[in-house]
Amino acid sequence: MDNELYDYSPIIERDPIHWPDGARVAFYVGLNVEHFLLGRPSTSFYDATAALVPDPLNHGWRDYGARVGIWRLTEVFDRHGIRPSVLLNSDVTIEYPQIIKAGAERNWAWLAHGRNNSTLQAGMPADDERAYLANVVETIEQATTAGIGVRVVVDLRTGEEVELELTFDPPWTPDRMSDDAKFILGFG
């Protein structure tokens, strides 16, 4: 495979993964906690109303997550001792501080996931995107003062954008869906 983003490493040539306490299965709960701007295009379940401003059907399901869904999921996580990794829009820290408080009380892992789900990074000039991401990370770090590490999530990036993502400390992203295990991103 010709790929400048990471080296080819077939699973049959690697040491097996050993989980703590001899566990045979591990799983990751990546919980998107997002804010959507009213009247701005975004993910739509129902295309027939997507052109309406505001779009009541699609905005309704988006808003449901922060109003109801997150609290029902929190009950499930508490009941089963699950610590989710929250892919967090930084606007959530301002719009829904109760969610941040609940996550901090439970020691959730925080991953920066853009400002909101109505502002896309794709196509931003590199300097603008760097400033945008720095603001996102700073906002989340300030809101989650429990010493929780913030990781940058940059959706579906290639080339120059991967290089940008590698400039953050620590340089880590769960958005590479091409393996069962972590691997090194780089160029060559």
N, C-alpha and C. Protein backbone atom coordinates (compact mmCIF):
# COMPACT_ATOMS: atom_id res chain seq x y z
N MET A 1 0.84 -1.18 0.00
CA MET A 1 0.00 0.00 0.00
C MET A 1 0.88 1.24 0.00
N ASP A 2 0.65 2.14 -0.90
CA ASP A 2 1.39 3.39 -0.98
C ASP A 2 0.70 4.40 -0.08
N ASN A 3 1.30 4.68 1.07
CA ASN A 3 0.67 5.55 2.05
C ASN A 3 1.74 6.35 2.77
N GLU A 4 1.75 7.66 2.58
CA GLU A 4 2.75 8.51 3.22
C GLU A 4 2.39 8.87 4.66
N LEU A 5 1.20 8.50 5.10
CA LEU A 5 0.76 8.89 6.45
C LEU A 5 1.24 7.93 7.54
N TYR A 6 1.37 6.66 7.20
CA TYR A 6 1.86 5.68 8.18
C TYR A 6 2.36 4.45 7.45
N ASP A 7 3.25 3.71 8.12
CA ASP A 7 3.84 2.51 7.53
C ASP A 7 2.86 1.36 7.56
N TYR A 8 2.98 0.48 6.58
CA TYR A 8 2.18 -0.74 6.54
C TYR A 8 2.72 -1.72 7.57
N SER A 9 1.80 -2.29 8.36
CA SER A 9 2.18 -3.24 9.39
C SER A 9 1.08 -4.28 9.54
N PRO A 10 1.19 -5.42 8.84
CA PRO A 10 0.13 -6.42 8.91
C PRO A 10 0.04 -7.06 10.29
N ILE A 11 -1.15 -7.30 10.76
CA ILE A 11 -1.38 -7.82 12.10
C ILE A 11 -0.70 -9.18 12.31
N ILE A 12 -0.53 -9.96 11.25
CA ILE A 12 0.08 -11.29 11.37
C ILE A 12 1.57 -11.22 11.69
N GLU A 13 2.18 -10.04 11.56
CA GLU A 13 3.60 -9.89 11.86
C GLU A 13 3.86 -9.13 13.16
N ARG A 14 2.84 -8.98 13.99
CA ARG A 14 2.98 -8.25 15.25
C ARG A 14 2.78 -9.17 16.44
N ASP A 15 3.34 -8.75 17.57
CA ASP A 15 3.07 -9.46 18.81
C ASP A 15 1.59 -9.31 19.16
N PRO A 16 1.00 -10.33 19.78
CA PRO A 16 -0.41 -10.22 20.17
C PRO A 16 -0.59 -9.15 21.24
N ILE A 17 -1.77 -8.59 21.27
CA ILE A 17 -2.12 -7.60 22.29
C ILE A 17 -2.50 -8.35 23.57
N HIS A 18 -1.96 -7.93 24.69
CA HIS A 18 -2.30 -8.51 25.99
C HIS A 18 -2.99 -7.44 26.83
N TRP A 19 -4.22 -7.73 27.24
CA TRP A 19 -5.00 -6.78 28.03
C TRP A 19 -4.76 -7.02 29.51
N PRO A 20 -4.94 -5.99 30.34
CA PRO A 20 -4.74 -6.14 31.79
C PRO A 20 -5.60 -7.26 32.37
N ASP A 21 -5.07 -7.90 33.37
CA ASP A 21 -5.77 -8.96 34.11
C ASP A 21 -6.21 -10.12 33.22
N GLY A 22 -5.54 -10.32 32.11
CA GLY A 22 -5.86 -11.44 31.23
C GLY A 22 -7.17 -11.31 30.48
N ALA A 23 -7.74 -10.10 30.44
CA ALA A 23 -9.01 -9.91 29.73
C ALA A 23 -8.84 -10.28 28.26
N ARG A 24 -9.90 -10.85 27.68
CA ARG A 24 -9.85 -11.27 26.29
C ARG A 24 -10.43 -10.22 25.35
N VAL A 25 -11.18 -9.30 25.91
CA VAL A 25 -11.83 -8.28 25.10
C VAL A 25 -11.64 -6.92 25.76
N ALA A 26 -11.41 -5.91 24.96
CA ALA A 26 -11.38 -4.53 25.44
C ALA A 26 -12.25 -3.71 24.50
N PHE A 27 -12.83 -2.65 25.02
CA PHE A 27 -13.61 -1.78 24.16
C PHE A 27 -13.42 -0.34 24.59
N TYR A 28 -13.69 0.53 23.67
CA TYR A 28 -13.53 1.96 23.84
C TYR A 28 -14.89 2.60 23.65
N VAL A 29 -15.30 3.44 24.58
CA VAL A 29 -16.54 4.19 24.42
C VAL A 29 -16.15 5.62 24.05
N GLY A 30 -16.35 5.94 22.79
CA GLY A 30 -16.12 7.30 22.30
C GLY A 30 -17.46 8.00 22.23
N LEU A 31 -17.68 8.93 23.14
CA LEU A 31 -18.97 9.60 23.27
C LEU A 31 -18.87 11.01 22.70
N ASN A 32 -19.51 11.26 21.57
CA ASN A 32 -19.53 12.60 21.00
C ASN A 32 -20.49 13.47 21.81
N VAL A 33 -19.98 14.57 22.34
CA VAL A 33 -20.80 15.55 23.05
C VAL A 33 -20.63 16.85 22.28
N GLU A 34 -21.69 17.23 21.57
CA GLU A 34 -21.56 18.25 20.55
C GLU A 34 -22.58 19.37 20.72
N HIS A 35 -22.24 20.51 20.12
CA HIS A 35 -23.15 21.64 20.06
C HIS A 35 -23.36 21.99 18.59
N PHE A 36 -24.59 22.25 18.23
CA PHE A 36 -24.95 22.61 16.86
C PHE A 36 -25.56 24.01 16.88
N LEU A 37 -25.15 24.85 15.96
CA LEU A 37 -25.69 26.20 15.87
C LEU A 37 -27.05 26.15 15.19
N LEU A 38 -28.03 26.78 15.78
CA LEU A 38 -29.38 26.81 15.24
C LEU A 38 -29.37 27.53 13.88
N GLY A 39 -29.99 26.91 12.90
CA GLY A 39 -30.11 27.53 11.60
C GLY A 39 -28.91 27.34 10.68
N ARG A 40 -27.91 26.59 11.13
CA ARG A 40 -26.72 26.32 10.30
C ARG A 40 -26.77 24.87 9.83
N PRO A 41 -26.34 24.60 8.61
CA PRO A 41 -26.35 23.22 8.12
C PRO A 41 -25.43 22.33 8.93
N SER A 42 -25.81 21.08 9.05
CA SER A 42 -24.99 20.09 9.74
C SER A 42 -25.51 18.71 9.37
N THR A 43 -25.12 17.71 10.14
CA THR A 43 -25.56 16.35 9.89
C THR A 43 -27.08 16.29 9.90
N SER A 44 -27.65 15.63 8.91
CA SER A 44 -29.11 15.53 8.82
C SER A 44 -29.53 14.08 8.70
N PHE A 45 -30.54 13.71 9.48
CA PHE A 45 -31.15 12.39 9.35
C PHE A 45 -32.29 12.44 8.33
N TYR A 46 -32.87 13.61 8.17
CA TYR A 46 -34.04 13.74 7.31
C TYR A 46 -33.80 14.88 6.33
N ASP A 47 -33.46 14.53 5.10
CA ASP A 47 -33.07 15.53 4.10
C ASP A 47 -34.22 16.46 3.68
N ALA A 48 -35.46 16.01 3.81
CA ALA A 48 -36.59 16.81 3.33
C ALA A 48 -36.72 18.14 4.06
N THR A 49 -36.22 18.22 5.30
CA THR A 49 -36.32 19.48 6.05
C THR A 49 -34.97 20.19 6.19
N ALA A 50 -33.91 19.61 5.64
CA ALA A 50 -32.56 20.16 5.82
C ALA A 50 -32.42 21.58 5.28
N ALA A 51 -33.21 21.98 4.31
CA ALA A 51 -33.11 23.33 3.74
C ALA A 51 -33.89 24.36 4.55
N LEU A 52 -34.70 23.93 5.50
CA LEU A 52 -35.46 24.89 6.32
C LEU A 52 -34.53 25.58 7.31
N VAL A 53 -34.80 26.85 7.60
CA VAL A 53 -34.00 27.61 8.57
C VAL A 53 -34.94 28.22 9.59
N PRO A 54 -34.92 27.75 10.85
CA PRO A 54 -34.17 26.57 11.28
C PRO A 54 -34.86 25.28 10.83
N ASP A 55 -34.12 24.21 10.88
CA ASP A 55 -34.60 22.88 10.50
C ASP A 55 -35.09 22.18 11.77
N PRO A 56 -36.40 22.18 12.03
CA PRO A 56 -36.88 21.68 13.33
C PRO A 56 -36.64 20.20 13.57
N LEU A 57 -36.76 19.37 12.56
CA LEU A 57 -36.58 17.94 12.78
C LEU A 57 -35.13 17.58 13.06
N ASN A 58 -34.21 18.05 12.20
CA ASN A 58 -32.81 17.70 12.39
C ASN A 58 -32.20 18.40 13.61
N HIS A 59 -32.58 19.66 13.84
CA HIS A 59 -32.04 20.32 15.03
C HIS A 59 -32.59 19.66 16.30
N GLY A 60 -33.81 19.17 16.23
CA GLY A 60 -34.41 18.51 17.39
C GLY A 60 -33.61 17.31 17.86
N TRP A 61 -33.22 16.42 16.93
CA TRP A 61 -32.44 15.25 17.37
C TRP A 61 -31.06 15.66 17.83
N ARG A 62 -30.48 16.70 17.22
CA ARG A 62 -29.16 17.16 17.66
C ARG A 62 -29.23 17.69 19.08
N ASP A 63 -30.27 18.47 19.37
CA ASP A 63 -30.43 19.08 20.69
C ASP A 63 -30.78 18.04 21.75
N TYR A 64 -31.44 16.98 21.35
CA TYR A 64 -31.84 15.91 22.28
C TYR A 64 -30.63 15.35 23.03
N GLY A 65 -29.51 15.21 22.34
CA GLY A 65 -28.33 14.62 22.97
C GLY A 65 -27.88 15.36 24.21
N ALA A 66 -27.83 16.68 24.15
CA ALA A 66 -27.38 17.48 25.30
C ALA A 66 -28.47 17.66 26.34
N ARG A 67 -29.71 17.59 25.95
CA ARG A 67 -30.82 17.80 26.88
C ARG A 67 -31.24 16.53 27.62
N VAL A 68 -31.18 15.39 26.92
CA VAL A 68 -31.69 14.14 27.49
C VAL A 68 -30.69 12.99 27.36
N GLY A 69 -30.22 12.75 26.15
CA GLY A 69 -29.39 11.58 25.86
C GLY A 69 -28.17 11.45 26.74
N ILE A 70 -27.44 12.53 26.94
CA ILE A 70 -26.22 12.47 27.75
C ILE A 70 -26.51 12.01 29.17
N TRP A 71 -27.64 12.42 29.72
CA TRP A 71 -27.97 12.07 31.11
C TRP A 71 -28.40 10.62 31.22
N ARG A 72 -29.08 10.11 30.22
CA ARG A 72 -29.43 8.68 30.22
C ARG A 72 -28.18 7.81 30.05
N LEU A 73 -27.28 8.24 29.18
CA LEU A 73 -26.02 7.50 29.01
C LEU A 73 -25.16 7.57 30.27
N THR A 74 -25.16 8.71 30.94
CA THR A 74 -24.40 8.84 32.19
C THR A 74 -24.87 7.83 33.22
N GLU A 75 -26.17 7.63 33.30
CA GLU A 75 -26.71 6.63 34.23
C GLU A 75 -26.19 5.23 33.87
N VAL A 76 -26.15 4.90 32.59
CA VAL A 76 -25.66 3.60 32.15
C VAL A 76 -24.17 3.47 32.47
N PHE A 77 -23.38 4.50 32.18
CA PHE A 77 -21.94 4.46 32.47
C PHE A 77 -21.71 4.28 33.97
N ASP A 78 -22.47 5.00 34.79
CA ASP A 78 -22.33 4.88 36.25
C ASP A 78 -22.68 3.47 36.71
N ARG A 79 -23.78 2.94 36.20
CA ARG A 79 -24.24 1.62 36.62
C ARG A 79 -23.22 0.53 36.29
N HIS A 80 -22.50 0.70 35.18
CA HIS A 80 -21.58 -0.35 34.72
C HIS A 80 -20.11 0.01 34.89
N GLY A 81 -19.81 1.12 35.56
CA GLY A 81 -18.43 1.50 35.81
C GLY A 81 -17.64 1.81 34.55
N ILE A 82 -18.28 2.44 33.58
CA ILE A 82 -17.63 2.78 32.31
C ILE A 82 -17.17 4.23 32.35
N ARG A 83 -15.90 4.43 31.95
CA ARG A 83 -15.35 5.78 31.82
C ARG A 83 -15.24 6.10 30.34
N PRO A 84 -16.16 6.92 29.82
CA PRO A 84 -16.10 7.22 28.39
C PRO A 84 -14.97 8.20 28.07
N SER A 85 -14.55 8.17 26.82
CA SER A 85 -13.69 9.20 26.26
C SER A 85 -14.62 10.13 25.48
N VAL A 86 -14.71 11.37 25.94
CA VAL A 86 -15.68 12.31 25.38
C VAL A 86 -15.04 13.15 24.28
N LEU A 87 -15.55 13.01 23.08
CA LEU A 87 -15.12 13.82 21.94
C LEU A 87 -15.95 15.09 22.01
N LEU A 88 -15.34 16.14 22.54
CA LEU A 88 -16.06 17.32 23.02
C LEU A 88 -15.89 18.54 22.12
N ASN A 89 -17.01 19.12 21.70
CA ASN A 89 -16.97 20.44 21.07
C ASN A 89 -16.72 21.46 22.18
N SER A 90 -15.80 22.40 21.95
CA SER A 90 -15.49 23.37 23.00
C SER A 90 -16.67 24.26 23.35
N ASP A 91 -17.60 24.48 22.42
CA ASP A 91 -18.79 25.27 22.75
C ASP A 91 -19.64 24.62 23.83
N VAL A 92 -19.52 23.31 24.00
CA VAL A 92 -20.27 22.61 25.05
C VAL A 92 -19.87 23.14 26.43
N THR A 93 -18.60 23.52 26.60
CA THR A 93 -18.14 24.02 27.90
C THR A 93 -18.87 25.30 28.29
N ILE A 94 -19.33 26.06 27.32
CA ILE A 94 -20.05 27.31 27.56
C ILE A 94 -21.55 27.09 27.58
N GLU A 95 -22.05 26.34 26.62
CA GLU A 95 -23.50 26.15 26.46
C GLU A 95 -24.10 25.18 27.47
N TYR A 96 -23.34 24.15 27.88
CA TYR A 96 -23.87 23.10 28.75
C TYR A 96 -22.87 22.80 29.89
N PRO A 97 -22.61 23.74 30.77
CA PRO A 97 -21.60 23.50 31.82
C PRO A 97 -21.96 22.34 32.74
N GLN A 98 -23.22 21.99 32.83
CA GLN A 98 -23.64 20.86 33.67
C GLN A 98 -23.01 19.56 33.17
N ILE A 99 -22.86 19.43 31.86
CA ILE A 99 -22.25 18.23 31.30
C ILE A 99 -20.78 18.16 31.69
N ILE A 100 -20.09 19.29 31.63
CA ILE A 100 -18.67 19.33 32.00
C ILE A 100 -18.51 18.98 33.47
N LYS A 101 -19.39 19.52 34.31
CA LYS A 101 -19.34 19.23 35.75
C LYS A 101 -19.56 17.73 36.00
N ALA A 102 -20.55 17.14 35.34
CA ALA A 102 -20.83 15.72 35.52
C ALA A 102 -19.64 14.87 35.06
N GLY A 103 -19.03 15.24 33.95
CA GLY A 103 -17.87 14.50 33.44
C GLY A 103 -16.67 14.63 34.36
N ALA A 104 -16.44 15.82 34.88
CA ALA A 104 -15.31 16.04 35.79
C ALA A 104 -15.48 15.22 37.07
N GLU A 105 -16.71 15.15 37.57
CA GLU A 105 -16.99 14.35 38.78
C GLU A 105 -16.71 12.87 38.55
N ARG A 106 -16.79 12.43 37.31
CA ARG A 106 -16.61 11.02 36.97
C ARG A 106 -15.26 10.73 36.30
N ASN A 107 -14.42 11.75 36.20
CA ASN A 107 -13.09 11.59 35.61
C ASN A 107 -13.13 11.10 34.17
N TRP A 108 -14.07 11.63 33.38
CA TRP A 108 -14.12 11.28 31.98
C TRP A 108 -12.85 11.77 31.29
N ALA A 109 -12.46 11.09 30.24
CA ALA A 109 -11.34 11.53 29.41
C ALA A 109 -11.90 12.50 28.37
N TRP A 110 -11.21 13.62 28.19
CA TRP A 110 -11.69 14.66 27.28
C TRP A 110 -10.83 14.70 26.03
N LEU A 111 -11.48 14.70 24.88
CA LEU A 111 -10.80 14.81 23.59
C LEU A 111 -11.40 16.00 22.85
N ALA A 112 -10.56 16.90 22.39
CA ALA A 112 -11.05 18.08 21.68
C ALA A 112 -11.62 17.66 20.32
N HIS A 113 -12.82 18.12 20.03
CA HIS A 113 -13.52 17.73 18.80
C HIS A 113 -14.11 18.96 18.11
N GLY A 114 -13.29 19.96 17.92
CA GLY A 114 -13.73 21.18 17.24
C GLY A 114 -14.52 22.10 18.15
N ARG A 115 -14.88 23.24 17.61
CA ARG A 115 -15.64 24.24 18.38
C ARG A 115 -17.10 23.82 18.48
N ASN A 116 -17.69 23.45 17.37
CA ASN A 116 -19.08 22.97 17.33
C ASN A 116 -19.22 22.13 16.07
N ASN A 117 -20.35 21.52 15.90
CA ASN A 117 -20.53 20.66 14.72
C ASN A 117 -21.18 21.40 13.55
N SER A 118 -21.15 22.72 13.61
CA SER A 118 -21.64 23.52 12.50
C SER A 118 -20.51 24.29 11.82
N THR A 119 -19.32 24.25 12.39
CA THR A 119 -18.16 24.92 11.82
C THR A 119 -17.16 23.85 11.39
N LEU A 120 -16.97 23.70 10.10
CA LEU A 120 -16.09 22.67 9.58
C LEU A 120 -14.67 23.19 9.42
N GLN A 121 -13.69 22.36 9.75
CA GLN A 121 -12.29 22.71 9.59
C GLN A 121 -11.80 22.46 8.17
N ALA A 122 -12.45 21.57 7.46
CA ALA A 122 -12.01 21.22 6.11
C ALA A 122 -11.93 22.47 5.25
N GLY A 123 -10.77 22.65 4.61
CA GLY A 123 -10.59 23.78 3.73
C GLY A 123 -10.05 25.03 4.39
N MET A 124 -9.89 25.03 5.72
CA MET A 124 -9.31 26.19 6.39
C MET A 124 -7.84 26.30 6.03
N PRO A 125 -7.33 27.51 5.79
CA PRO A 125 -5.87 27.65 5.64
C PRO A 125 -5.17 27.15 6.91
N ALA A 126 -3.99 26.58 6.76
CA ALA A 126 -3.28 25.94 7.88
C ALA A 126 -3.11 26.86 9.07
N ASP A 127 -2.75 28.13 8.87
CA ASP A 127 -2.57 29.04 10.00
C ASP A 127 -3.88 29.30 10.72
N ASP A 128 -4.97 29.45 9.96
CA ASP A 128 -6.28 29.65 10.57
C ASP A 128 -6.71 28.43 11.35
N GLU A 129 -6.46 27.25 10.78
CA GLU A 129 -6.85 26.01 11.47
C GLU A 129 -6.03 25.81 12.73
N ARG A 130 -4.73 26.13 12.68
CA ARG A 130 -3.88 26.02 13.86
C ARG A 130 -4.41 26.91 14.99
N ALA A 131 -4.77 28.15 14.67
CA ALA A 131 -5.32 29.07 15.67
C ALA A 131 -6.67 28.58 16.18
N TYR A 132 -7.49 28.08 15.27
CA TYR A 132 -8.80 27.54 15.63
C TYR A 132 -8.65 26.38 16.62
N LEU A 133 -7.77 25.42 16.28
CA LEU A 133 -7.57 24.26 17.16
C LEU A 133 -6.95 24.66 18.49
N ALA A 134 -6.01 25.59 18.48
CA ALA A 134 -5.41 26.05 19.72
C ALA A 134 -6.47 26.65 20.64
N ASN A 135 -7.40 27.42 20.07
CA ASN A 135 -8.50 27.99 20.87
C ASN A 135 -9.40 26.90 21.42
N VAL A 136 -9.70 25.90 20.59
CA VAL A 136 -10.55 24.79 21.03
C VAL A 136 -9.90 24.07 22.22
N VAL A 137 -8.63 23.72 22.08
CA VAL A 137 -7.91 23.00 23.13
C VAL A 137 -7.82 23.85 24.40
N GLU A 138 -7.49 25.12 24.26
CA GLU A 138 -7.37 26.01 25.43
C GLU A 138 -8.71 26.13 26.16
N THR A 139 -9.80 26.27 25.41
CA THR A 139 -11.13 26.38 26.02
C THR A 139 -11.46 25.13 26.82
N ILE A 140 -11.19 23.96 26.26
CA ILE A 140 -11.50 22.70 26.95
C ILE A 140 -10.59 22.52 28.16
N GLU A 141 -9.31 22.84 28.02
CA GLU A 141 -8.39 22.72 29.16
C GLU A 141 -8.83 23.61 30.32
N GLN A 142 -9.27 24.83 30.02
CA GLN A 142 -9.72 25.73 31.08
C GLN A 142 -10.99 25.22 31.76
N ALA A 143 -11.88 24.62 31.00
CA ALA A 143 -13.15 24.15 31.55
C ALA A 143 -13.01 22.84 32.32
N THR A 144 -12.03 22.02 31.96
CA THR A 144 -11.85 20.72 32.60
C THR A 144 -10.58 20.74 33.44
N THR A 145 -10.60 21.55 34.47
CA THR A 145 -9.40 21.82 35.27
C THR A 145 -9.02 20.67 36.21
N ALA A 146 -9.60 19.52 36.04
CA ALA A 146 -9.31 18.40 36.92
C ALA A 146 -8.02 17.68 36.55
N GLY A 147 -7.19 18.30 35.73
CA GLY A 147 -5.92 17.68 35.34
C GLY A 147 -6.09 16.60 34.29
N ILE A 148 -7.21 16.61 33.61
CA ILE A 148 -7.49 15.60 32.58
C ILE A 148 -6.78 16.02 31.31
N GLY A 149 -6.08 15.10 30.67
CA GLY A 149 -5.37 15.41 29.44
C GLY A 149 -6.32 15.63 28.28
N VAL A 150 -6.02 16.59 27.47
CA VAL A 150 -6.82 16.87 26.28
C VAL A 150 -6.08 16.35 25.06
N ARG A 151 -6.76 15.63 24.22
CA ARG A 151 -6.20 15.12 22.99
C ARG A 151 -6.92 15.80 21.83
N VAL A 152 -6.23 15.97 20.76
CA VAL A 152 -6.82 16.63 19.60
C VAL A 152 -7.43 15.58 18.69
N VAL A 153 -8.64 15.81 18.30
CA VAL A 153 -9.31 14.98 17.32
C VAL A 153 -9.49 15.83 16.08
N VAL A 154 -8.89 15.44 15.00
CA VAL A 154 -9.02 16.16 13.75
C VAL A 154 -9.62 15.18 12.75
N ASP A 155 -10.85 15.43 12.36
CA ASP A 155 -11.59 14.46 11.56
C ASP A 155 -11.02 14.24 10.17
N LEU A 156 -10.73 12.98 9.86
CA LEU A 156 -10.45 12.52 8.51
C LEU A 156 -9.45 13.42 7.77
N ARG A 157 -8.26 13.53 8.31
CA ARG A 157 -7.26 14.43 7.77
C ARG A 157 -6.25 13.71 6.90
N THR A 158 -5.64 14.46 6.00
CA THR A 158 -4.57 13.94 5.17
C THR A 158 -3.50 15.01 5.01
N GLY A 159 -2.32 14.60 4.52
CA GLY A 159 -1.26 15.51 4.14
C GLY A 159 -0.93 16.59 5.15
N GLU A 160 -1.09 17.85 4.73
CA GLU A 160 -0.74 19.00 5.57
C GLU A 160 -1.52 19.00 6.87
N GLU A 161 -2.76 18.50 6.84
CA GLU A 161 -3.58 18.52 8.03
C GLU A 161 -3.08 17.52 9.07
N VAL A 162 -2.52 16.39 8.65
CA VAL A 162 -1.91 15.45 9.59
C VAL A 162 -0.69 16.10 10.22
N GLU A 163 0.10 16.77 9.42
CA GLU A 163 1.27 17.47 9.95
C GLU A 163 0.84 18.48 11.01
N LEU A 164 -0.26 19.18 10.78
CA LEU A 164 -0.79 20.12 11.75
C LEU A 164 -1.20 19.41 13.03
N GLU A 165 -1.87 18.29 12.89
CA GLU A 165 -2.33 17.56 14.06
C GLU A 165 -1.15 17.07 14.90
N LEU A 166 -0.03 16.77 14.26
CA LEU A 166 1.15 16.29 14.97
C LEU A 166 1.86 17.39 15.76
N THR A 167 1.48 18.66 15.54
CA THR A 167 2.11 19.76 16.27
C THR A 167 1.54 19.93 17.66
N PHE A 168 0.41 19.31 17.97
CA PHE A 168 -0.19 19.45 19.29
C PHE A 168 0.44 18.47 20.26
N ASP A 169 0.44 18.85 21.52
CA ASP A 169 1.07 18.03 22.56
C ASP A 169 0.00 17.57 23.54
N PRO A 170 -0.21 16.28 23.68
CA PRO A 170 0.43 15.21 22.94
C PRO A 170 -0.24 15.01 21.59
N PRO A 171 0.53 14.61 20.59
CA PRO A 171 -0.05 14.39 19.26
C PRO A 171 -0.74 13.04 19.18
N TRP A 172 -2.04 13.03 19.28
CA TRP A 172 -2.78 11.77 19.33
C TRP A 172 -4.15 12.02 18.75
N THR A 173 -4.66 11.07 18.01
CA THR A 173 -6.01 11.18 17.47
C THR A 173 -6.62 9.79 17.35
N PRO A 174 -7.89 9.63 17.73
CA PRO A 174 -8.56 8.34 17.53
C PRO A 174 -9.23 8.25 16.16
N ASP A 175 -9.02 9.22 15.30
CA ASP A 175 -9.73 9.26 14.03
C ASP A 175 -9.15 8.38 12.94
N ARG A 176 -8.10 7.67 13.20
CA ARG A 176 -7.55 6.76 12.20
C ARG A 176 -8.21 5.41 12.40
N MET A 177 -9.12 5.04 11.53
CA MET A 177 -9.90 3.83 11.70
C MET A 177 -9.35 2.69 10.87
N SER A 178 -8.05 2.50 10.91
CA SER A 178 -7.44 1.52 10.02
C SER A 178 -6.69 0.42 10.76
N ASP A 179 -6.93 0.25 12.06
CA ASP A 179 -6.19 -0.77 12.80
C ASP A 179 -6.92 -1.10 14.10
N ASP A 180 -6.49 -2.20 14.73
CA ASP A 180 -7.00 -2.58 16.04
C ASP A 180 -6.17 -1.99 17.17
N ALA A 181 -5.00 -1.49 16.84
CA ALA A 181 -4.06 -1.00 17.86
C ALA A 181 -3.53 0.37 17.45
N LYS A 182 -2.92 1.04 18.41
CA LYS A 182 -2.34 2.35 18.10
C LYS A 182 -1.17 2.17 17.15
N PHE A 183 -0.91 3.20 16.38
CA PHE A 183 0.24 3.19 15.47
C PHE A 183 0.71 4.60 15.26
N ILE A 184 1.91 4.73 14.74
CA ILE A 184 2.56 6.02 14.59
C ILE A 184 2.16 6.68 13.27
N LEU A 185 1.69 7.94 13.37
CA LEU A 185 1.44 8.74 12.19
C LEU A 185 2.71 9.48 11.84
N GLY A 186 2.95 9.67 10.58
CA GLY A 186 4.14 10.41 10.19
C GLY A 186 4.23 10.52 8.69
N PHE A 187 5.40 10.89 8.23
CA PHE A 187 5.60 11.06 6.81
C PHE A 187 6.82 10.27 6.40
N GLY A 188 6.62 9.01 5.98
CA GLY A 188 7.72 8.18 5.51
C GLY A 188 8.20 7.33 6.57
